[in-house]
Amino acid sequence: MSVADKPFVRTSILAAEPPPPGERGAVAWIRRNLLATPKDVILTILALALIAWAVPHLVNWLFIQAVWSGPDRTFCATTIQGGIQPDGWSGACWAFISAKYDQFIFGRYPLDERWRPAIVGILFILLLVPMLIPSAPRKGLNAILLFAVLPVLAFWLLHGGFGLEVVDTPLWGGLMVTLVLSFVGIAVSLPCGILLALGRRSKMPVIRMLCVTFIEVIRGVPLITVLFMASVMLPLFLPTGWNVDKLLRAVIGVSIFTSAYMAEVIRGGLQAIPKGQFEGADSLGLGYWQKTRLIIMPQAIKLVIPSIVNTFIGTFKDTSLVTIIGMFDLLGIVKLNFSDANWASAVTPITGLIFAGFIFWLFCFGMSRYSGFMERHLDTGHKR
């Protein structure tokens, strides 16, 4: 056999080549996602036409014709850039937001004491950021400081401790109350939801019945009912002379409600774990709590991260319902200021609601993006 007739065996793998020019870049993305079928083409054209019509009007009303400064409603009601509006009102009244901004953040908290919630906010950010970074060290210590030490320190600072002036919770409000309610509700609901989910799957009939009853009763009523119960009924079960702070009642109501939903989310993750994982843990001689903590629960939580974050987002938005029990979160304090005669105009309410909606969207979008980051970080290569 000649050298030319000998079979050739490649000893190295060919380097990957880039995709064809028509399959990459912005043009390929547009063709694949927006122009793939006749229906996509029609929908894309309609969407572009709607955007072309709506965006100029929105930009004009939100920014160009908007009133950015002024001492009262007269600037928002009639004037725009030195002239008079033909229809009698201007664009967005951002002067109203500027004048009431501190109140939207702190509620009716005393002006001279607002450095206290500012310090709490700074401490919260300093502890939360490293907790959210997977590579940050000392997660255990960070968690203890964030979920155990900070709430106690924050209450002393906000309410009045260390010799500080007492500020009753009815004076709290705005974004501060929204963050307090949502943070405590989220921090309490996750561990309580895990325990309820485990209890619902327990082989002990009494524990299972109690957990099922709690979950189904709480999930069967709206949050507004739970808040009314926490605000009106809870004090009736306390001994004579005892009283529960209104903010604490709201925190208890939100935490109970969110825990019931979180329990079902975690239970869904537990049911998705293959039976072999339980059997493998049993074969290693692990006890129930060792198996749950080291093998089962990490996998279950990973599987339901989107649902967990979805519950967190719902909790953050549902805090606006505390208005019905006499507390004013961000949305409540914004709506309360609509009655200010100095700022009563046709554009004040819509401007205030747009501001509140943007703040809610900003926090919810941040939680959503972090959820996506954690899914990618914990991805083990399995197809979903």
Protein backbone atom coordinates (compact mmCIF):
# COMPACT_ATOMS: atom_id res chain seq x y z
CA MET A 1 0.00 0.00 0.00
CA SER A 2 1.37 3.34 -1.01
CA VAL A 3 1.55 6.33 1.28
CA ALA A 4 -1.27 7.99 -0.69
CA ASP A 5 -3.59 5.00 -0.04
CA LYS A 6 -3.12 5.01 3.74
CA PRO A 7 -6.19 6.22 5.74
CA PHE A 8 -5.86 9.61 7.42
CA VAL A 9 -6.74 9.92 11.09
CA ARG A 10 -7.05 13.46 12.48
CA THR A 11 -5.28 13.92 15.77
CA SER A 12 -6.82 17.28 16.73
CA ILE A 13 -10.32 18.77 16.74
CA LEU A 14 -11.13 21.42 14.19
CA ALA A 15 -11.50 24.90 15.62
CA ALA A 16 -15.06 26.16 15.80
CA GLU A 17 -15.92 28.50 12.96
CA PRO A 18 -18.16 31.55 13.35
CA PRO A 19 -21.74 31.27 12.10
CA PRO A 20 -22.51 32.60 8.62
CA PRO A 21 -22.88 36.40 8.40
CA GLY A 22 -26.60 36.08 7.79
CA GLU A 23 -27.10 34.17 11.06
CA ARG A 24 -25.57 36.70 13.46
CA GLY A 25 -25.88 40.34 14.32
CA ALA A 26 -28.82 42.71 14.66
CA VAL A 27 -30.21 41.98 11.17
CA ALA A 28 -30.35 38.24 11.88
CA TRP A 29 -32.02 38.85 15.26
CA ILE A 30 -34.66 41.07 13.63
CA ARG A 31 -35.33 38.56 10.87
CA ARG A 32 -35.55 35.67 13.34
CA ASN A 33 -37.67 37.37 16.03
CA LEU A 34 -39.69 40.04 14.23
CA LEU A 35 -40.01 39.00 10.59
CA ALA A 36 -40.01 35.21 10.68
CA THR A 37 -43.61 34.74 9.48
CA PRO A 38 -46.25 36.93 7.80
CA LYS A 39 -48.06 37.21 11.14
CA ASP A 40 -44.84 38.44 12.79
CA VAL A 41 -44.40 41.03 10.05
CA ILE A 42 -47.93 42.37 10.52
CA LEU A 43 -47.59 42.50 14.32
CA THR A 44 -44.20 44.20 14.05
CA ILE A 45 -45.58 46.87 11.72
CA LEU A 46 -48.55 47.50 14.02
CA ALA A 47 -46.27 47.70 17.08
CA LEU A 48 -43.92 50.14 15.36
CA ALA A 49 -46.87 52.29 14.28
CA LEU A 50 -48.20 52.36 17.84
CA ILE A 51 -44.77 53.26 19.21
CA ALA A 52 -44.30 55.99 16.59
CA TRP A 53 -47.64 57.48 17.58
CA ALA A 54 -47.39 57.13 21.38
CA VAL A 55 -43.74 57.89 22.17
CA PRO A 56 -43.67 61.50 20.88
CA HIS A 57 -46.82 62.31 22.89
CA LEU A 58 -45.40 60.71 26.04
CA VAL A 59 -42.02 62.42 25.70
CA ASN A 60 -43.75 65.74 25.07
CA TRP A 61 -46.02 65.39 28.11
CA LEU A 62 -43.47 63.86 30.48
CA PHE A 63 -40.47 66.06 29.67
CA ILE A 64 -40.85 68.83 27.11
CA GLN A 65 -44.06 70.43 28.38
CA ALA A 66 -43.52 69.32 31.97
CA VAL A 67 -43.27 71.83 34.81
CA TRP A 68 -40.11 71.10 36.79
CA SER A 69 -40.23 73.79 39.46
CA GLY A 70 -42.73 76.04 41.11
CA PRO A 71 -44.10 76.88 44.57
CA ASP A 72 -47.73 75.77 44.06
CA ARG A 73 -50.41 74.44 41.69
CA THR A 74 -50.70 77.58 39.58
CA PHE A 75 -47.58 76.70 37.63
CA CYS A 76 -48.92 73.23 36.79
CA ALA A 77 -52.50 74.35 36.17
CA THR A 78 -52.03 77.06 33.56
CA THR A 79 -48.47 77.90 32.56
CA ILE A 80 -45.85 76.19 30.50
CA GLN A 81 -42.51 77.72 29.61
CA GLY A 82 -43.85 81.23 30.15
CA GLY A 83 -47.02 80.77 28.08
CA ILE A 84 -50.62 79.72 28.57
CA GLN A 85 -51.75 76.27 27.53
CA PRO A 86 -54.74 76.31 25.15
CA ASP A 87 -56.48 73.52 27.04
CA GLY A 88 -55.82 75.09 30.45
CA TRP A 89 -53.23 72.63 31.80
CA SER A 90 -49.60 71.77 31.20
CA GLY A 91 -47.56 68.59 30.95
CA ALA A 92 -46.46 66.52 33.93
CA CYS A 93 -46.23 68.42 37.21
CA TRP A 94 -42.81 67.32 38.44
CA ALA A 95 -42.75 70.40 40.67
CA PHE A 96 -45.29 68.56 42.85
CA ILE A 97 -42.93 65.58 43.14
CA SER A 98 -40.00 67.85 43.96
CA ALA A 99 -41.95 69.70 46.66
CA LYS A 100 -43.25 66.51 48.29
CA TYR A 101 -40.28 64.25 47.67
CA ASP A 102 -39.08 64.07 51.29
CA GLN A 103 -42.59 63.22 52.44
CA PHE A 104 -42.88 60.49 49.80
CA ILE A 105 -39.71 58.91 51.19
CA PHE A 106 -40.15 59.41 54.96
CA GLY A 107 -43.86 60.11 55.43
CA ARG A 108 -44.57 62.44 58.34
CA TYR A 109 -41.37 61.49 60.14
CA PRO A 110 -40.05 64.61 61.98
CA LEU A 111 -37.73 66.70 59.82
CA ASP A 112 -35.01 66.98 62.47
CA GLU A 113 -34.94 63.19 62.96
CA ARG A 114 -34.82 62.01 59.34
CA TRP A 115 -31.13 61.28 59.65
CA ARG A 116 -32.19 58.17 61.56
CA PRO A 117 -34.02 56.41 58.70
CA ALA A 118 -31.22 57.60 56.40
CA ILE A 119 -28.67 55.74 58.55
CA VAL A 120 -30.90 52.64 58.57
CA GLY A 121 -31.12 52.78 54.79
CA ILE A 122 -27.35 53.04 54.43
CA LEU A 123 -26.79 50.09 56.79
CA PHE A 124 -29.38 48.08 54.89
CA ILE A 125 -27.60 48.68 51.57
CA LEU A 126 -24.17 47.93 53.05
CA LEU A 127 -25.39 44.56 54.37
CA LEU A 128 -27.65 43.65 51.45
CA VAL A 129 -25.13 44.18 48.64
CA PRO A 130 -22.52 41.63 49.86
CA MET A 131 -25.37 39.24 50.65
CA LEU A 132 -26.44 39.34 47.00
CA ILE A 133 -22.91 38.84 45.64
CA PRO A 134 -22.22 35.07 45.44
CA SER A 135 -18.45 35.45 45.78
CA ALA A 136 -18.61 37.70 48.86
CA PRO A 137 -17.09 35.97 51.94
CA ARG A 138 -18.61 35.36 55.39
CA LYS A 139 -22.18 34.77 54.24
CA GLY A 140 -23.19 33.40 57.63
CA LEU A 141 -22.08 36.48 59.53
CA ASN A 142 -23.60 38.69 56.84
CA ALA A 143 -26.95 36.90 57.17
CA ILE A 144 -26.94 37.24 60.97
CA LEU A 145 -26.24 40.96 60.74
CA LEU A 146 -28.85 41.52 58.02
CA PHE A 147 -31.72 39.41 59.33
CA ALA A 148 -31.16 39.46 63.10
CA VAL A 149 -29.08 42.46 64.16
CA LEU A 150 -30.26 45.07 61.67
CA PRO A 151 -34.02 44.74 62.41
CA VAL A 152 -33.43 45.29 66.13
CA LEU A 153 -31.04 48.18 65.52
CA ALA A 154 -33.40 49.69 62.93
CA PHE A 155 -36.34 49.58 65.34
CA TRP A 156 -34.34 51.31 68.05
CA LEU A 157 -33.21 53.99 65.63
CA LEU A 158 -36.55 54.55 63.93
CA HIS A 159 -38.84 54.28 66.95
CA GLY A 160 -36.55 55.70 69.58
CA GLY A 161 -33.77 54.02 71.50
CA PHE A 162 -30.35 54.90 72.85
CA GLY A 163 -31.90 58.03 74.36
CA LEU A 164 -33.33 59.24 71.05
CA GLU A 165 -36.68 60.99 70.76
CA VAL A 166 -39.57 58.55 70.38
CA VAL A 167 -41.25 58.66 66.97
CA ASP A 168 -44.49 56.68 66.97
CA THR A 169 -45.16 54.47 63.98
CA PRO A 170 -48.28 56.45 62.86
CA LEU A 171 -45.79 59.14 61.78
CA TRP A 172 -43.87 56.67 59.63
CA GLY A 173 -44.81 56.51 56.00
CA GLY A 174 -43.78 56.65 52.38
CA LEU A 175 -41.15 54.45 50.85
CA MET A 176 -39.72 53.78 54.31
CA VAL A 177 -42.86 51.87 55.38
CA THR A 178 -43.01 50.05 52.03
CA LEU A 179 -39.45 48.79 52.48
CA VAL A 180 -39.95 47.88 56.14
CA LEU A 181 -43.09 45.87 55.45
CA SER A 182 -41.73 44.15 52.36
CA PHE A 183 -38.31 43.34 53.86
CA VAL A 184 -39.75 41.86 57.04
CA GLY A 185 -42.46 40.03 55.10
CA ILE A 186 -39.91 38.53 52.71
CA ALA A 187 -37.41 37.66 55.46
CA VAL A 188 -40.08 35.93 57.56
CA SER A 189 -42.03 34.25 54.77
CA LEU A 190 -39.17 32.21 53.28
CA PRO A 191 -38.21 30.22 56.40
CA CYS A 192 -41.85 29.96 57.51
CA GLY A 193 -42.84 28.82 54.03
CA ILE A 194 -40.15 26.13 54.08
CA LEU A 195 -41.37 24.82 57.44
CA LEU A 196 -44.99 24.85 56.28
CA ALA A 197 -44.08 23.01 53.07
CA LEU A 198 -42.17 20.37 55.01
CA GLY A 199 -45.04 20.10 57.47
CA ARG A 200 -47.55 19.60 54.68
CA ARG A 201 -45.44 16.68 53.39
CA SER A 202 -44.90 15.29 56.89
CA LYS A 203 -45.91 11.72 57.72
CA MET A 204 -47.27 12.90 61.10
CA PRO A 205 -51.04 13.44 60.63
CA VAL A 206 -51.42 16.23 63.20
CA ILE A 207 -48.55 18.30 61.80
CA ARG A 208 -49.75 17.73 58.24
CA MET A 209 -53.34 18.67 59.09
CA LEU A 210 -52.31 21.86 60.89
CA CYS A 211 -50.09 22.99 58.02
CA VAL A 212 -52.70 22.16 55.36
CA THR A 213 -55.38 24.03 57.31
CA PHE A 214 -53.20 27.09 57.77
CA ILE A 215 -52.14 27.22 54.12
CA GLU A 216 -55.60 26.66 52.66
CA VAL A 217 -57.35 29.12 55.00
CA ILE A 218 -54.84 31.92 54.44
CA ARG A 219 -54.69 31.35 50.67
CA GLY A 220 -58.48 31.27 50.53
CA VAL A 221 -58.93 34.88 51.67
CA PRO A 222 -57.57 38.11 50.16
CA LEU A 223 -54.74 40.02 51.82
CA ILE A 224 -57.09 42.87 52.68
CA THR A 225 -59.04 40.45 54.91
CA VAL A 226 -55.87 39.28 56.64
CA LEU A 227 -54.85 42.89 57.28
CA PHE A 228 -58.27 43.65 58.76
CA MET A 229 -57.99 40.59 60.97
CA ALA A 230 -54.50 41.60 62.11
CA SER A 231 -55.63 45.18 62.75
CA VAL A 232 -59.05 44.60 64.32
CA MET A 233 -59.21 41.04 65.62
CA LEU A 234 -55.66 40.55 66.94
CA PRO A 235 -56.02 43.07 69.81
CA LEU A 236 -59.17 41.22 71.00
CA PHE A 237 -57.11 38.12 71.80
CA LEU A 238 -54.61 40.02 73.93
CA PRO A 239 -54.86 40.44 77.72
CA THR A 240 -56.50 43.58 79.05
CA GLY A 241 -54.18 46.57 78.86
CA TRP A 242 -51.99 45.07 76.15
CA ASN A 243 -51.72 46.75 72.80
CA VAL A 244 -49.99 45.84 69.55
CA ASP A 245 -48.52 48.59 67.42
CA LYS A 246 -50.37 49.15 64.13
CA LEU A 247 -47.19 48.69 62.10
CA LEU A 248 -46.49 45.40 63.87
CA ARG A 249 -50.02 44.24 63.07
CA ALA A 250 -49.45 45.02 59.39
CA VAL A 251 -46.10 43.20 59.45
CA ILE A 252 -47.73 40.14 61.03
CA GLY A 253 -50.55 40.17 58.45
CA VAL A 254 -48.23 40.50 55.45
CA SER A 255 -45.85 37.84 56.81
CA ILE A 256 -48.65 35.33 57.45
CA PHE A 257 -50.18 35.86 54.03
CA THR A 258 -46.88 35.60 52.16
CA SER A 259 -45.81 32.52 54.14
CA ALA A 260 -48.84 30.56 52.95
CA TYR A 261 -48.07 31.28 49.29
CA MET A 262 -44.36 30.64 49.81
CA ALA A 263 -45.18 27.24 51.31
CA GLU A 264 -46.87 26.14 48.09
CA VAL A 265 -43.97 27.43 46.00
CA ILE A 266 -41.47 25.44 48.07
CA ARG A 267 -43.73 22.38 48.01
CA GLY A 268 -43.71 22.52 44.22
CA GLY A 269 -39.92 22.46 44.28
CA LEU A 270 -39.88 19.52 46.69
CA GLN A 271 -42.21 17.53 44.44
CA ALA A 272 -39.91 18.15 41.48
CA ILE A 273 -36.95 16.44 43.18
CA PRO A 274 -36.42 12.91 41.77
CA LYS A 275 -37.08 10.07 44.15
CA GLY A 276 -33.51 8.89 43.67
CA GLN A 277 -32.21 11.93 45.53
CA PHE A 278 -34.16 10.93 48.64
CA GLU A 279 -33.04 7.32 48.34
CA GLY A 280 -29.43 8.32 47.78
CA ALA A 281 -29.49 10.50 50.90
CA ASP A 282 -31.04 7.65 52.90
CA SER A 283 -28.38 5.24 51.62
CA LEU A 284 -25.69 7.54 53.03
CA GLY A 285 -27.25 7.27 56.46
CA LEU A 286 -28.30 10.92 56.66
CA GLY A 287 -31.02 11.87 59.11
CA TYR A 288 -34.19 13.70 58.08
CA TRP A 289 -32.90 17.19 58.80
CA GLN A 290 -29.45 16.46 57.37
CA LYS A 291 -31.02 15.10 54.19
CA THR A 292 -33.36 18.08 53.92
CA ARG A 293 -30.72 20.72 54.63
CA LEU A 294 -27.85 19.30 52.58
CA ILE A 295 -29.50 17.44 49.69
CA ILE A 296 -33.17 18.18 49.12
CA MET A 297 -33.81 21.81 50.01
CA PRO A 298 -30.92 23.36 48.01
CA GLN A 299 -32.16 21.60 44.88
CA ALA A 300 -35.80 22.48 45.54
CA ILE A 301 -35.08 26.17 46.08
CA LYS A 302 -32.94 26.30 42.96
CA LEU A 303 -35.80 24.88 40.89
CA VAL A 304 -38.33 27.45 42.10
CA ILE A 305 -36.22 30.62 42.15
CA PRO A 306 -38.51 32.34 39.58
CA SER A 307 -41.60 31.52 41.65
CA ILE A 308 -39.93 32.65 44.88
CA VAL A 309 -38.96 36.00 43.37
CA ASN A 310 -42.43 36.31 41.86
CA THR A 311 -43.87 35.95 45.37
CA PHE A 312 -41.41 38.53 46.67
CA ILE A 313 -42.45 40.97 43.95
CA GLY A 314 -46.11 40.41 44.77
CA THR A 315 -45.40 41.05 48.45
CA PHE A 316 -43.58 44.28 47.66
CA LYS A 317 -46.54 45.57 45.63
CA ASP A 318 -49.20 44.32 48.05
CA THR A 319 -47.81 46.52 50.83
CA SER A 320 -49.86 49.35 49.30
CA LEU A 321 -52.97 47.69 50.80
CA VAL A 322 -51.96 48.80 54.31
CA THR A 323 -53.63 52.11 53.48
CA ILE A 324 -56.95 50.53 54.45
CA ILE A 325 -55.82 50.17 58.08
CA GLY A 326 -54.67 53.77 58.37
CA MET A 327 -51.02 53.44 57.33
CA PHE A 328 -49.49 55.30 54.43
CA ASP A 329 -46.90 53.53 52.34
CA LEU A 330 -45.43 55.09 49.21
CA LEU A 331 -48.64 54.91 47.17
CA GLY A 332 -50.76 55.91 50.17
CA ILE A 333 -48.70 59.01 50.97
CA VAL A 334 -48.72 60.04 47.31
CA LYS A 335 -52.51 59.76 47.15
CA LEU A 336 -52.83 61.56 50.49
CA ASN A 337 -51.05 64.59 49.04
CA PHE A 338 -53.55 64.86 46.18
CA SER A 339 -55.84 66.57 48.69
CA ASP A 340 -53.33 69.37 49.27
CA ALA A 341 -55.13 72.49 47.98
CA ASN A 342 -51.81 74.13 47.11
CA TRP A 343 -51.15 71.43 44.52
CA ALA A 344 -54.65 70.54 43.33
CA SER A 345 -54.56 70.50 39.53
CA ALA A 346 -55.64 68.29 36.66
CA VAL A 347 -52.15 66.81 36.19
CA THR A 348 -51.11 66.37 39.83
CA PRO A 349 -52.76 62.94 40.39
CA ILE A 350 -51.48 61.34 37.20
CA THR A 351 -47.97 62.71 37.83
CA GLY A 352 -47.94 61.36 41.38
CA LEU A 353 -49.18 57.95 40.26
CA ILE A 354 -46.56 57.79 37.50
CA PHE A 355 -43.86 58.57 40.07
CA ALA A 356 -45.13 55.89 42.49
CA GLY A 357 -45.48 53.39 39.66
CA PHE A 358 -41.93 54.05 38.49
CA ILE A 359 -40.52 53.48 42.00
CA PHE A 360 -42.44 50.21 42.33
CA TRP A 361 -41.31 49.12 38.87
CA LEU A 362 -37.68 49.99 39.68
CA PHE A 363 -37.59 47.71 42.72
CA CYS A 364 -39.55 44.91 41.04
CA PHE A 365 -37.38 45.05 37.92
CA GLY A 366 -34.26 44.87 40.10
CA MET A 367 -35.57 41.75 41.84
CA SER A 368 -36.45 40.21 38.50
CA ARG A 369 -32.99 40.86 37.03
CA TYR A 370 -31.29 39.46 40.13
CA SER A 371 -33.48 36.36 39.83
CA GLY A 372 -32.22 35.84 36.28
CA PHE A 373 -28.63 36.32 37.44
CA MET A 374 -29.01 33.70 40.16
CA GLU A 375 -30.59 31.24 37.74
CA ARG A 376 -27.61 31.58 35.41
CA HIS A 377 -25.15 31.40 38.32
CA LEU A 378 -26.70 28.18 39.68
CA ASP A 379 -27.27 26.61 36.28
CA THR A 380 -25.71 23.13 36.13
CA GLY A 381 -26.26 22.63 32.42
CA HIS A 382 -29.60 20.87 32.55
CA LYS A 383 -32.09 21.87 29.90
CA ARG A 384 -35.22 23.57 31.18
